[in-house]
Amino acid sequence: MIQKEKDNYASITIDLAKNSPQKLPPRVKELYEKENVDKINSLIPSVLSALINTQDLEIIDSVLPRIIKIVSEYAGVQISYNLLSRIEVMFQFRKPSIGIYDHTFNIIGGGQKYGCTIAYALQNDFNVTLIANRSVTQQDLKNWYNLDLDQCKIKVLKLPFFEEKGVQEIDPLAVTKRDENPFHLISRESGNYDIFINNSMLEMVYPLSNVSVLICHFPERRRSRYFYADRYTFVVNNSKYTAEWIRKKWKMSATTHIYPPVDLHDSKRVPQKENIILSVARFEKGGSKQQLEMAKAFADLSQANPKVLKNWRLILAGGSVNNNPYLQGIEKFLASEHPKNIDLRVNIPLKELKSLYEKARIFWHFCGLYQSDPSLVEHFGMSIVEAMQNWCVPIVFDGGGQKEIVEQGISGYRFSSLKELKDKTFEVMNDNVSWENLSQRAYTRGMVFTKEVFVAKVKELFEQIMNTYFMLPSNS
């Protein structure tokens, strides 16, 4: 009989809430003393929902404060606060609140666009706050991503650990095992929201909200002293490649797959094209995007096929920080005796970038070439999709998330060696019929990854969250 009661403690407790509510506080106290605290914490919201949904106000006023006091005593003040917050949302006393954190919100990038587009998708139904560590404005985000986030708030929480060092970038690798975790400040902030979204794949932030979502663009660091990725309710991966490495590196599984939003298409007609090979990628200080290799490969193609290549240009576009030694190396290479039909476009505005996509016939992406570290292989490849949405034929490295985007020989080509790259590029340059077929299929493929598709997936996930964690149980 004792074992049977233990096995059915959840249904017994909910039944007490419905039929014998005055017995509920001692029952909750007994459970906390005998059972796993986390297990009881997960049960209490259903118990309180049953209580509030079936009892009159006088009984609720008598029983609820006693239960909250017991929860606070055994599970802590944060859990009791979360319970009260959940009740407010369950009974629609207010909109649910969402905090979206990214330690790089102040820097333009694909991962940051991912988080901002989540905010865009949810701002009508939730009170959304973007949490940053450095100053950024809604106008900045609108200029970078063409997203109207006027209904969202922005909260800047500076991290003393990095401010005192005076560093330009907030780098989690600067935190050693001897240091106190500087991101505990963000953990404390997460407890102020019904739902906390960690968009920076920063496993060092412990979530304290009722529901938590970790957006993992790639598991860059292994499990260490401050590893809390496994404490999140949901783990969202941006590609199958990322999901594979979450399993390998973190020994855990992602729960939800949502490809990034890409929306750099304006027309359903092929724009006027020029003989341009385009690359769009950040000029990383470590050179992981391989723009210098692109310049060298184009120079080799020009030397081997001067008549064909004299009418072509390679344009390397992307963002860069100041005093970038890798970018300086490319500039030094281009200043030498090599072909002059290679252009650098650094930190250009969105309007100019869109114009380049419209004009280019071929798109190169080398990220992953010569790399053995999986974190340095392209996790997805948003710029590849942007190019495809503008009828560019992609020729990209055969690795990472790029394999999920470009269908070999159908919507573009993937290469494993520079010889393959040069052969495929020369083939596309010289066969206009082939280019037209590949270009049309590239456009069709690129439209699989639009903002509209992304927004629908995000809303589907948050509908599931609301139904599972904040809705009233039935009276049956």
Protein backbone atom coordinates (compact mmCIF):
# COMPACT_ATOMS: atom_id res chain seq x y z
CA MET A 1 0.00 0.00 0.00
CA ILE A 2 2.86 2.37 0.88
CA GLN A 3 4.61 1.57 -2.41
CA LYS A 4 1.39 2.12 -4.35
CA GLU A 5 0.92 5.52 -2.70
CA LYS A 6 4.50 6.43 -3.53
CA ASP A 7 4.00 5.47 -7.14
CA ASN A 8 0.83 7.58 -7.36
CA TYR A 9 1.85 10.55 -5.22
CA ALA A 10 1.15 13.05 -8.01
CA SER A 11 -2.45 11.99 -8.68
CA ILE A 12 -3.14 11.65 -4.93
CA THR A 13 -1.86 15.18 -4.27
CA ILE A 14 -3.87 16.70 -7.13
CA ASP A 15 -6.96 14.86 -5.84
CA LEU A 16 -6.43 16.45 -2.42
CA ALA A 17 -6.31 19.87 -4.07
CA LYS A 18 -9.70 19.21 -5.61
CA ASN A 19 -11.46 17.42 -2.75
CA SER A 20 -9.65 18.03 0.56
CA PRO A 21 -7.70 21.28 0.11
CA GLN A 22 -7.04 21.85 3.84
CA LYS A 23 -4.99 18.64 3.85
CA LEU A 24 -2.82 19.94 1.03
CA PRO A 25 -0.18 21.98 2.95
CA PRO A 26 0.89 19.10 5.24
CA ARG A 27 0.88 16.80 2.23
CA VAL A 28 3.21 19.12 0.29
CA LYS A 29 5.53 19.39 3.28
CA GLU A 30 5.62 15.60 3.59
CA LEU A 31 6.49 15.20 -0.09
CA TYR A 32 9.35 17.69 0.13
CA GLU A 33 10.75 15.79 3.10
CA LYS A 34 10.50 12.37 1.40
CA GLU A 35 10.89 12.95 -2.35
CA ASN A 36 13.37 14.60 -4.72
CA VAL A 37 12.98 18.40 -4.51
CA ASP A 38 13.13 18.96 -8.28
CA LYS A 39 10.46 16.32 -8.81
CA ILE A 40 8.11 18.02 -6.34
CA ASN A 41 8.87 21.44 -7.81
CA SER A 42 7.65 20.17 -11.18
CA LEU A 43 4.46 18.81 -9.57
CA ILE A 44 3.44 21.89 -7.59
CA PRO A 45 2.16 24.01 -10.54
CA SER A 46 -0.38 21.32 -11.48
CA VAL A 47 -1.41 21.02 -7.83
CA LEU A 48 -1.95 24.76 -7.48
CA SER A 49 -3.82 24.90 -10.78
CA ALA A 50 -6.20 22.21 -9.53
CA LEU A 51 -6.64 24.08 -6.25
CA ILE A 52 -7.39 27.45 -7.85
CA ASN A 53 -9.54 25.95 -10.57
CA THR A 54 -11.84 24.02 -8.20
CA GLN A 55 -12.03 25.95 -4.91
CA ASP A 56 -13.69 29.19 -3.91
CA LEU A 57 -11.70 32.29 -3.01
CA GLU A 58 -11.96 31.82 0.77
CA ILE A 59 -10.33 28.38 0.67
CA ILE A 60 -7.69 29.53 -1.81
CA ASP A 61 -6.80 32.47 0.47
CA SER A 62 -6.42 30.03 3.36
CA VAL A 63 -4.40 27.30 1.60
CA LEU A 64 -2.28 29.01 -1.06
CA PRO A 65 -0.10 31.20 1.24
CA ARG A 66 0.70 28.18 3.42
CA ILE A 67 1.82 26.16 0.39
CA ILE A 68 3.94 29.02 -0.96
CA LYS A 69 5.63 29.35 2.44
CA ILE A 70 6.44 25.60 2.46
CA VAL A 71 7.81 25.77 -1.08
CA SER A 72 9.98 28.73 -0.12
CA GLU A 73 11.29 26.85 2.93
CA TYR A 74 12.20 23.65 1.08
CA ALA A 75 12.91 24.81 -2.48
CA GLY A 76 13.91 28.44 -2.08
CA VAL A 77 12.51 31.91 -2.69
CA GLN A 78 13.06 31.77 -6.47
CA ILE A 79 10.89 28.68 -6.89
CA SER A 80 8.08 30.16 -4.82
CA TYR A 81 8.32 33.39 -6.86
CA ASN A 82 8.16 31.32 -10.05
CA LEU A 83 5.03 29.58 -8.81
CA LEU A 84 3.24 32.85 -8.18
CA SER A 85 4.37 34.17 -11.56
CA ARG A 86 3.10 31.04 -13.28
CA ILE A 87 -0.29 31.41 -11.61
CA GLU A 88 -0.54 35.02 -12.84
CA VAL A 89 0.07 33.84 -16.41
CA MET A 90 -2.18 30.79 -16.13
CA PHE A 91 -5.13 32.97 -15.19
CA GLN A 92 -4.22 35.68 -17.69
CA PHE A 93 -3.68 38.39 -15.10
CA ARG A 94 -0.92 39.67 -17.39
CA LYS A 95 1.02 38.80 -20.54
CA PRO A 96 3.84 36.29 -20.03
CA SER A 97 7.29 37.87 -19.97
CA ILE A 98 10.29 36.74 -22.03
CA GLY A 99 13.93 37.69 -21.57
CA ILE A 100 16.22 37.04 -24.55
CA TYR A 101 19.93 37.21 -23.71
CA ASP A 102 22.89 37.49 -26.05
CA HIS A 103 26.32 38.70 -24.96
CA THR A 104 26.93 39.84 -28.57
CA PHE A 105 23.69 41.71 -29.30
CA ASN A 106 25.82 44.82 -29.90
CA ILE A 107 27.60 43.15 -32.85
CA ILE A 108 25.93 42.46 -36.19
CA GLY A 109 25.78 38.74 -37.02
CA GLY A 110 23.66 35.79 -38.05
CA GLY A 111 23.27 34.39 -34.54
CA GLN A 112 22.13 37.77 -33.24
CA LYS A 113 19.63 38.03 -36.11
CA TYR A 114 18.27 34.64 -35.01
CA GLY A 115 17.54 35.98 -31.51
CA CYS A 116 16.10 39.27 -32.77
CA THR A 117 13.78 37.44 -35.16
CA ILE A 118 12.50 35.35 -32.23
CA ALA A 119 11.71 38.65 -30.47
CA TYR A 120 10.00 39.92 -33.63
CA ALA A 121 7.87 36.76 -33.83
CA LEU A 122 6.74 36.93 -30.18
CA GLN A 123 6.47 40.63 -29.33
CA ASN A 124 2.72 40.87 -29.96
CA ASP A 125 1.81 38.08 -27.53
CA PHE A 126 4.55 38.44 -24.88
CA ASN A 127 6.34 41.21 -23.00
CA VAL A 128 9.79 40.79 -24.56
CA THR A 129 13.04 42.21 -23.19
CA LEU A 130 16.36 41.92 -25.02
CA ILE A 131 19.19 41.55 -22.50
CA ALA A 132 22.60 42.79 -23.67
CA ASN A 133 25.95 43.41 -22.01
CA ARG A 134 26.93 46.36 -24.18
CA SER A 135 24.87 49.28 -25.48
CA VAL A 136 22.65 48.62 -28.50
CA THR A 137 19.48 50.36 -29.67
CA GLN A 138 16.32 49.25 -31.43
CA GLN A 139 17.36 51.45 -34.34
CA ASP A 140 20.68 49.59 -34.58
CA LEU A 141 18.84 46.28 -34.78
CA LYS A 142 16.40 47.64 -37.36
CA ASN A 143 19.27 48.90 -39.52
CA TRP A 144 21.11 45.58 -39.31
CA TYR A 145 18.24 43.12 -39.69
CA ASN A 146 15.30 45.12 -41.08
CA LEU A 147 13.20 44.13 -38.05
CA ASP A 148 10.78 46.44 -36.26
CA LEU A 149 11.23 45.65 -32.56
CA ASP A 150 9.48 48.72 -31.16
CA GLN A 151 7.35 46.63 -28.81
CA CYS A 152 10.45 45.12 -27.18
CA LYS A 153 12.49 46.59 -24.36
CA ILE A 154 16.28 46.55 -24.21
CA LYS A 155 18.10 46.08 -20.91
CA VAL A 156 21.88 46.47 -20.71
CA LEU A 157 23.63 44.63 -17.88
CA LYS A 158 27.35 45.30 -17.85
CA LEU A 159 29.53 42.48 -16.54
CA PRO A 160 32.17 43.86 -14.14
CA PHE A 161 34.59 41.00 -14.94
CA PHE A 162 34.93 42.20 -18.55
CA GLU A 163 34.42 45.93 -17.91
CA GLU A 164 37.35 46.00 -15.50
CA LYS A 165 39.56 44.31 -18.08
CA GLY A 166 38.58 46.92 -20.69
CA VAL A 167 38.34 44.28 -23.43
CA GLN A 168 36.56 44.93 -26.72
CA GLU A 169 34.76 41.58 -26.86
CA ILE A 170 33.03 39.57 -24.13
CA ASP A 171 34.81 36.25 -24.53
CA PRO A 172 33.66 33.34 -22.31
CA LEU A 173 37.07 31.70 -22.84
CA ALA A 174 38.60 34.45 -20.69
CA VAL A 175 36.84 32.93 -17.66
CA THR A 176 39.12 30.37 -16.01
CA LYS A 177 38.25 27.75 -13.42
CA ARG A 178 39.78 30.03 -10.79
CA ASP A 179 37.41 32.89 -11.62
CA GLU A 180 33.96 33.41 -10.21
CA ASN A 181 31.41 32.98 -12.99
CA PRO A 182 30.72 36.53 -14.30
CA PHE A 183 27.53 35.32 -15.99
CA HIS A 184 25.82 34.64 -12.66
CA LEU A 185 24.57 38.21 -13.01
CA ILE A 186 22.60 37.06 -16.07
CA SER A 187 21.38 33.99 -14.19
CA ARG A 188 19.89 36.22 -11.51
CA GLU A 189 18.25 38.35 -14.19
CA SER A 190 16.75 35.25 -15.85
CA GLY A 191 14.65 34.66 -12.74
CA ASN A 192 12.69 37.85 -13.45
CA TYR A 193 10.98 36.35 -16.51
CA ASP A 194 8.43 33.62 -17.12
CA ILE A 195 10.52 32.38 -20.05
CA PHE A 196 14.26 32.95 -20.45
CA ILE A 197 15.92 32.48 -23.85
CA ASN A 198 19.70 32.18 -23.96
CA ASN A 199 20.48 33.05 -27.58
CA SER A 200 24.26 33.10 -27.20
CA MET A 201 24.73 29.31 -26.79
CA LEU A 202 26.47 30.31 -23.57
CA GLU A 203 26.37 27.21 -21.40
CA MET A 204 27.71 29.21 -18.44
CA VAL A 205 24.32 30.86 -17.70
CA TYR A 206 22.18 28.95 -15.18
CA PRO A 207 18.47 29.55 -15.94
CA LEU A 208 16.16 30.45 -13.04
CA SER A 209 12.91 31.08 -14.94
CA ASN A 210 9.83 28.86 -15.07
CA VAL A 211 10.71 27.82 -18.63
CA SER A 212 14.11 28.21 -20.27
CA VAL A 213 15.29 27.86 -23.87
CA LEU A 214 18.92 27.51 -24.95
CA ILE A 215 19.55 28.44 -28.58
CA CYS A 216 22.65 26.51 -29.63
CA HIS A 217 24.28 27.67 -32.86
CA PHE A 218 27.17 25.32 -32.02
CA PRO A 219 28.56 23.82 -28.78
CA GLU A 220 31.86 25.69 -28.91
CA ARG A 221 33.16 24.74 -25.46
CA ARG A 222 33.18 21.37 -23.76
CA ARG A 223 31.64 20.62 -20.38
CA SER A 224 33.56 22.49 -17.69
CA ARG A 225 33.13 23.94 -14.21
CA TYR A 226 30.33 26.27 -15.27
CA PHE A 227 28.25 24.00 -17.49
CA TYR A 228 24.48 24.48 -17.28
CA ALA A 229 23.21 23.63 -20.78
CA ASP A 230 21.50 20.54 -19.37
CA ARG A 231 19.42 22.71 -17.00
CA TYR A 232 17.33 24.23 -19.80
CA THR A 233 13.79 23.11 -20.55
CA PHE A 234 14.40 23.25 -24.32
CA VAL A 235 17.56 23.15 -26.40
CA VAL A 236 17.08 24.50 -29.93
CA ASN A 237 19.63 23.67 -32.64
CA ASN A 238 20.07 25.68 -35.84
CA SER A 239 21.14 22.74 -38.03
CA LYS A 240 21.48 18.98 -38.00
CA TYR A 241 25.24 19.47 -37.93
CA THR A 242 24.94 21.40 -34.67
CA ALA A 243 22.60 18.75 -33.22
CA GLU A 244 25.18 16.06 -34.01
CA TRP A 245 27.90 17.95 -32.13
CA ILE A 246 25.62 18.68 -29.17
CA ARG A 247 25.37 14.90 -28.80
CA LYS A 248 29.09 14.33 -29.27
CA LYS A 249 30.44 17.23 -27.23
CA TRP A 250 27.84 17.71 -24.51
CA LYS A 251 26.45 14.14 -24.32
CA MET A 252 22.89 15.44 -24.54
CA SER A 253 20.21 15.83 -27.19
CA ALA A 254 18.64 18.96 -28.60
CA THR A 255 14.86 19.10 -28.32
CA THR A 256 13.90 21.34 -31.24
CA HIS A 257 15.35 22.05 -34.69
CA ILE A 258 14.71 25.48 -36.25
CA TYR A 259 16.80 26.64 -39.22
CA PRO A 260 17.86 30.32 -39.15
CA PRO A 261 15.71 33.00 -40.84
CA VAL A 262 16.95 34.31 -44.18
CA ASP A 263 15.00 37.01 -46.00
CA LEU A 264 17.18 38.84 -48.49
CA HIS A 265 14.87 38.30 -51.47
CA ASP A 266 12.89 41.13 -53.07
CA SER A 267 11.76 39.82 -56.43
CA LYS A 268 10.53 36.63 -58.04
CA ARG A 269 12.38 37.48 -61.25
CA VAL A 270 16.07 36.93 -61.99
CA PRO A 271 17.86 40.29 -61.61
CA GLN A 272 20.36 41.61 -64.13
CA LYS A 273 23.52 39.62 -63.51
CA GLU A 274 27.19 40.49 -63.98
CA ASN A 275 30.28 38.28 -64.11
CA ILE A 276 30.87 38.42 -60.37
CA ILE A 277 31.91 35.75 -57.91
CA LEU A 278 30.78 36.93 -54.49
CA SER A 279 31.78 35.95 -50.96
CA VAL A 280 29.96 37.33 -47.91
CA ALA A 281 31.39 36.45 -44.50
CA ARG A 282 32.96 38.12 -41.50
CA PHE A 283 36.70 38.71 -41.71
CA GLU A 284 37.50 36.67 -38.60
CA LYS A 285 40.84 37.39 -36.97
CA GLY A 286 41.62 33.67 -37.12
CA GLY A 287 40.75 33.47 -40.82
CA SER A 288 38.15 30.70 -40.43
CA LYS A 289 36.13 32.01 -43.40
CA GLN A 290 39.18 31.55 -45.66
CA GLN A 291 38.88 34.74 -47.75
CA LEU A 292 42.63 34.79 -48.39
CA GLU A 293 42.36 31.28 -49.88
CA MET A 294 39.56 32.57 -52.10
CA ALA A 295 41.75 35.38 -53.39
CA LYS A 296 44.57 32.93 -54.11
CA ALA A 297 42.19 30.47 -55.82
CA PHE A 298 40.79 33.24 -58.03
CA ALA A 299 44.32 34.36 -58.88
CA ASP A 300 45.19 30.79 -59.89
CA LEU A 301 42.04 30.54 -62.04
CA SER A 302 42.92 33.85 -63.71
CA GLN A 303 46.45 32.70 -64.44
CA ALA A 304 45.27 29.35 -65.87
CA ASN A 305 42.38 30.85 -67.91
CA PRO A 306 43.21 34.51 -68.58
CA LYS A 307 40.81 34.95 -71.54
CA VAL A 308 37.77 33.79 -69.56
CA LEU A 309 38.66 35.33 -66.21
CA LYS A 310 39.55 38.78 -67.56
CA ASN A 311 35.84 39.57 -67.66
CA TRP A 312 35.14 38.29 -64.12
CA ARG A 313 35.55 39.87 -60.69
CA LEU A 314 35.82 38.37 -57.22
CA ILE A 315 34.25 40.49 -54.49
CA LEU A 316 35.01 39.70 -50.85
CA ALA A 317 32.41 41.40 -48.63
CA GLY A 318 32.03 41.19 -44.86
CA GLY A 319 32.27 42.85 -41.50
CA SER A 320 35.46 43.38 -39.52
CA VAL A 321 36.69 44.88 -36.28
CA ASN A 322 39.42 47.51 -36.34
CA ASN A 323 43.07 46.47 -36.52
CA ASN A 324 42.31 43.04 -37.97
CA PRO A 325 45.59 41.28 -38.88
CA TYR A 326 43.83 38.73 -41.11
CA LEU A 327 42.15 41.46 -43.16
CA GLN A 328 45.48 43.28 -43.37
CA GLY A 329 47.01 40.09 -44.79
CA ILE A 330 44.39 40.01 -47.55
CA GLU A 331 45.01 43.68 -48.32
CA LYS A 332 48.75 42.97 -48.57
CA PHE A 333 48.11 40.08 -50.97
CA LEU A 334 45.84 42.20 -53.17
CA ALA A 335 48.40 45.03 -53.25
CA SER A 336 50.95 42.70 -54.82
CA GLU A 337 51.24 41.79 -58.49
CA HIS A 338 48.19 39.51 -58.45
CA PRO A 339 45.03 40.19 -60.52
CA LYS A 340 43.45 43.57 -59.93
CA ASN A 341 39.91 42.25 -60.46
CA ILE A 342 39.51 41.32 -56.78
CA ASP A 343 37.63 43.82 -54.62
CA LEU A 344 37.30 44.14 -50.84
CA ARG A 345 34.04 45.54 -49.43
CA VAL A 346 34.32 45.86 -45.63
CA ASN A 347 31.47 46.88 -43.28
CA ILE A 348 29.18 47.91 -46.12
CA PRO A 349 25.52 48.88 -45.52
CA LEU A 350 22.69 46.41 -46.15
CA LYS A 351 21.54 48.21 -49.30
CA GLU A 352 24.95 47.79 -50.94
CA LEU A 353 25.14 44.15 -49.85
CA LYS A 354 21.74 43.38 -51.40
CA SER A 355 22.92 45.00 -54.63
CA LEU A 356 25.96 42.70 -54.71
CA TYR A 357 23.78 39.62 -54.23
CA GLU A 358 21.56 40.73 -57.11
CA LYS A 359 24.51 41.24 -59.46
CA ALA A 360 26.60 38.16 -58.62
CA ARG A 361 26.34 35.00 -60.72
CA ILE A 362 28.38 32.68 -58.45
CA PHE A 363 28.78 32.53 -54.68
CA TRP A 364 31.85 31.06 -52.95
CA HIS A 365 32.01 29.91 -49.33
CA PHE A 366 35.15 28.18 -48.06
CA CYS A 367 34.42 27.95 -44.32
CA GLY A 368 35.66 24.53 -43.15
CA LEU A 369 38.44 24.17 -45.71
CA TYR A 370 41.61 22.81 -44.05
CA GLN A 371 39.90 22.75 -40.65
CA SER A 372 39.97 19.81 -38.22
CA ASP A 373 38.13 21.66 -35.43
CA PRO A 374 34.37 21.12 -36.03
CA SER A 375 33.57 24.52 -34.49
CA LEU A 376 35.46 26.16 -37.39
CA VAL A 377 33.30 24.46 -40.02
CA GLU A 378 30.21 26.46 -41.04
CA HIS A 379 27.41 25.58 -38.62
CA PHE A 380 24.71 26.58 -41.11
CA GLY A 381 25.55 29.28 -43.66
CA MET A 382 23.03 32.14 -43.76
CA SER A 383 24.97 34.09 -46.39
CA ILE A 384 24.81 31.05 -48.69
CA VAL A 385 21.02 31.09 -48.48
CA GLU A 386 20.96 34.86 -49.00
CA ALA A 387 22.90 34.35 -52.22
CA MET A 388 20.61 31.53 -53.37
CA GLN A 389 17.53 33.68 -52.75
CA ASN A 390 19.07 36.08 -55.29
CA TRP A 391 19.70 33.45 -57.97
CA CYS A 392 23.44 33.06 -57.25
CA VAL A 393 24.84 29.60 -57.91
CA PRO A 394 26.60 28.48 -54.70
CA ILE A 395 29.89 26.59 -54.80
CA VAL A 396 30.71 25.83 -51.18
CA PHE A 397 32.86 23.62 -49.00
CA ASP A 398 31.39 20.15 -48.50
CA GLY A 399 31.00 20.17 -44.73
CA GLY A 400 28.95 21.31 -41.76
CA GLY A 401 25.56 22.89 -42.28
CA GLN A 402 26.43 23.67 -45.91
CA LYS A 403 25.59 20.06 -46.77
CA GLU A 404 22.03 20.70 -45.55
CA ILE A 405 21.59 23.74 -47.79
CA VAL A 406 23.20 23.02 -51.16
CA GLU A 407 21.97 19.92 -52.98
CA GLN A 408 24.93 18.58 -54.93
CA GLY A 409 24.53 19.23 -58.65
CA ILE A 410 20.91 20.37 -58.18
CA SER A 411 20.93 23.76 -56.46
CA GLY A 412 24.71 24.27 -56.58
CA TYR A 413 27.95 22.42 -55.93
CA ARG A 414 29.96 21.37 -52.89
CA PHE A 415 33.71 20.82 -53.07
CA SER A 416 36.26 19.01 -50.93
CA SER A 417 39.42 20.31 -52.62
CA LEU A 418 40.51 23.47 -54.39
CA LYS A 419 40.79 21.49 -57.63
CA GLU A 420 37.10 20.58 -57.37
CA LEU A 421 36.26 24.21 -56.63
CA LYS A 422 38.15 25.48 -59.68
CA ASP A 423 36.71 22.81 -61.97
CA LYS A 424 33.11 23.49 -60.93
CA THR A 425 33.57 27.25 -61.07
CA PHE A 426 35.04 27.10 -64.58
CA GLU A 427 32.21 24.79 -65.66
CA VAL A 428 29.50 27.18 -64.42
CA MET A 429 31.29 30.16 -65.98
CA ASN A 430 31.31 28.55 -69.42
CA ASP A 431 27.87 26.89 -69.57
CA ASN A 432 25.07 29.45 -69.42
CA VAL A 433 22.32 26.81 -69.70
CA SER A 434 23.77 24.98 -66.70
CA TRP A 435 24.00 28.26 -64.79
CA GLU A 436 20.35 29.08 -65.53
CA ASN A 437 19.13 25.67 -64.33
CA LEU A 438 21.26 25.74 -61.18
CA SER A 439 20.32 29.36 -60.52
CA GLN A 440 16.57 28.67 -60.65
CA ARG A 441 16.87 25.64 -58.39
CA ALA A 442 19.12 27.60 -56.00
CA TYR A 443 16.38 30.24 -55.68
CA THR A 444 13.74 27.59 -55.03
CA ARG A 445 15.92 25.91 -52.41
CA GLY A 446 16.73 29.23 -50.74
CA MET A 447 13.04 29.93 -50.17
CA VAL A 448 12.87 26.95 -47.79
CA PHE A 449 14.71 29.06 -45.19
CA THR A 450 12.69 32.29 -45.15
CA LYS A 451 11.78 34.47 -42.17
CA GLU A 452 8.14 33.43 -42.61
CA VAL A 453 9.05 29.75 -42.17
CA PHE A 454 11.19 30.62 -39.13
CA VAL A 455 8.46 32.71 -37.48
CA ALA A 456 5.93 29.90 -37.94
CA LYS A 457 8.32 27.40 -36.28
CA VAL A 458 9.00 29.76 -33.37
CA LYS A 459 5.30 30.37 -32.79
CA GLU A 460 4.66 26.63 -32.89
CA LEU A 461 7.30 26.05 -30.19
CA PHE A 462 5.93 28.80 -27.94
CA GLU A 463 2.37 27.60 -28.38
CA GLN A 464 3.62 24.24 -27.11
CA ILE A 465 5.33 26.00 -24.16
CA MET A 466 2.20 27.91 -23.22
CA ASN A 467 -0.05 24.87 -23.51
CA THR A 468 2.31 22.66 -21.52
CA TYR A 469 3.53 24.98 -18.78
CA PHE A 470 0.97 27.75 -18.36
CA MET A 471 -2.47 26.34 -19.22
CA LEU A 472 -5.08 25.13 -16.73
CA PRO A 473 -5.62 21.37 -16.40
CA SER A 474 -9.07 19.99 -17.19
CA ASN A 475 -11.58 19.50 -14.37
CA SER A 476 -11.95 15.80 -15.07
